[in-house]
């Protein structure tokens, strides 16, 4: 039972990491920067979405 829970958690985290990697590829950043943390990625995505929304207004 514990082993099954560990497997599910690993799979969940793998999917989450894949989603963040996909988001990192969509938001503009400098190529030489270090890999963004999750919170940095989310904050940058929010800023970028607001910026793009303002452009179309």
C-alpha atoms as a PDB file:
ATOM      1  CA  UNK A   1       0.000   0.000   0.000  1.00  0.00           C
ATOM      2  CA  UNK A   2       2.789   2.422   0.903  1.00  0.00           C
ATOM      3  CA  UNK A   3       4.728   1.380  -2.184  1.00  0.00           C
ATOM      4  CA  UNK A   4       1.700   2.029  -4.402  1.00  0.00           C
ATOM      5  CA  UNK A   5       1.304   5.480  -2.851  1.00  0.00           C
ATOM      6  CA  UNK A   6       4.977   6.235  -3.536  1.00  0.00           C
ATOM      7  CA  UNK A   7       4.566   5.200  -7.164  1.00  0.00           C
ATOM      8  CA  UNK A   8       1.482   7.408  -7.553  1.00  0.00           C
ATOM      9  CA  UNK A   9       3.301  10.351  -5.980  1.00  0.00           C
ATOM     10  CA  UNK A  10       6.314   9.906  -8.270  1.00  0.00           C
ATOM     11  CA  UNK A  11       3.993   9.830 -11.277  1.00  0.00           C
ATOM     12  CA  UNK A  12       2.144  12.926 -10.051  1.00  0.00           C
ATOM     13  CA  UNK A  13       5.397  14.814  -9.548  1.00  0.00           C
ATOM     14  CA  UNK A  14       6.633  13.718 -12.953  1.00  0.00           C
ATOM     15  CA  UNK A  15       3.512  15.129 -14.604  1.00  0.00           C
ATOM     16  CA  UNK A  16       3.827  18.342 -12.607  1.00  0.00           C
ATOM     17  CA  UNK A  17       7.476  18.734 -13.622  1.00  0.00           C
ATOM     18  CA  UNK A  18       6.581  18.144 -17.275  1.00  0.00           C
ATOM     19  CA  UNK A  19       3.889  20.819 -17.047  1.00  0.00           C
ATOM     20  CA  UNK A  20       6.325  23.340 -15.555  1.00  0.00           C
ATOM     21  CA  UNK A  21       8.910  22.516 -18.224  1.00  0.00           C
ATOM     22  CA  UNK A  22       6.282  23.180 -20.884  1.00  0.00           C
ATOM     23  CA  UNK A  23       5.343  26.486 -19.271  1.00  0.00           C
ATOM     24  CA  UNK A  24       9.015  27.521 -19.043  1.00  0.00           C
ATOM     25  CA  UNK A  25       9.307  27.000 -22.802  1.00  0.00           C
ATOM     26  CA  UNK A  26       6.329  29.289 -23.456  1.00  0.00           C
ATOM     27  CA  UNK A  27       7.345  32.329 -21.416  1.00  0.00           C
ATOM     28  CA  UNK A  28      10.125  34.528 -22.798  1.00  0.00           C
ATOM     29  CA  UNK A  29      13.338  34.546 -20.814  1.00  0.00           C
ATOM     30  CA  UNK A  30      17.029  34.973 -21.457  1.00  0.00           C
ATOM     31  CA  UNK A  31      18.719  31.813 -22.698  1.00  0.00           C
ATOM     32  CA  UNK A  32      21.721  32.263 -20.428  1.00  0.00           C
ATOM     33  CA  UNK A  33      19.641  32.474 -17.262  1.00  0.00           C
ATOM     34  CA  UNK A  34      19.512  29.581 -14.856  1.00  0.00           C
ATOM     35  CA  UNK A  35      16.479  27.331 -14.912  1.00  0.00           C
ATOM     36  CA  UNK A  36      13.604  29.216 -13.303  1.00  0.00           C
ATOM     37  CA  UNK A  37      12.123  27.878 -10.093  1.00  0.00           C
ATOM     38  CA  UNK A  38       8.456  26.966 -10.022  1.00  0.00           C
ATOM     39  CA  UNK A  39       7.441  30.176  -8.286  1.00  0.00           C
ATOM     40  CA  UNK A  40       9.595  32.265 -10.642  1.00  0.00           C
ATOM     41  CA  UNK A  41       7.999  30.492 -13.602  1.00  0.00           C
ATOM     42  CA  UNK A  42       4.475  31.177 -12.334  1.00  0.00           C
ATOM     43  CA  UNK A  43       5.215  34.830 -11.558  1.00  0.00           C
ATOM     44  CA  UNK A  44       6.811  35.358 -14.960  1.00  0.00           C
ATOM     45  CA  UNK A  45       3.869  33.657 -16.691  1.00  0.00           C
ATOM     46  CA  UNK A  46       1.388  35.917 -14.885  1.00  0.00           C
ATOM     47  CA  UNK A  47       3.402  39.011 -15.823  1.00  0.00           C
ATOM     48  CA  UNK A  48       3.673  37.863 -19.437  1.00  0.00           C
ATOM     49  CA  UNK A  49      -0.059  37.142 -19.701  1.00  0.00           C
ATOM     50  CA  UNK A  50      -0.867  40.593 -18.286  1.00  0.00           C
ATOM     51  CA  UNK A  51       1.567  42.187 -20.740  1.00  0.00           C
ATOM     52  CA  UNK A  52       0.077  40.336 -23.717  1.00  0.00           C
ATOM     53  CA  UNK A  53      -3.460  41.187 -22.567  1.00  0.00           C
ATOM     54  CA  UNK A  54      -2.554  44.868 -22.395  1.00  0.00           C
ATOM     55  CA  UNK A  55      -1.167  44.708 -25.940  1.00  0.00           C
ATOM     56  CA  UNK A  56      -4.465  43.586 -27.406  1.00  0.00           C
ATOM     57  CA  UNK A  57      -6.561  46.192 -25.587  1.00  0.00           C
END
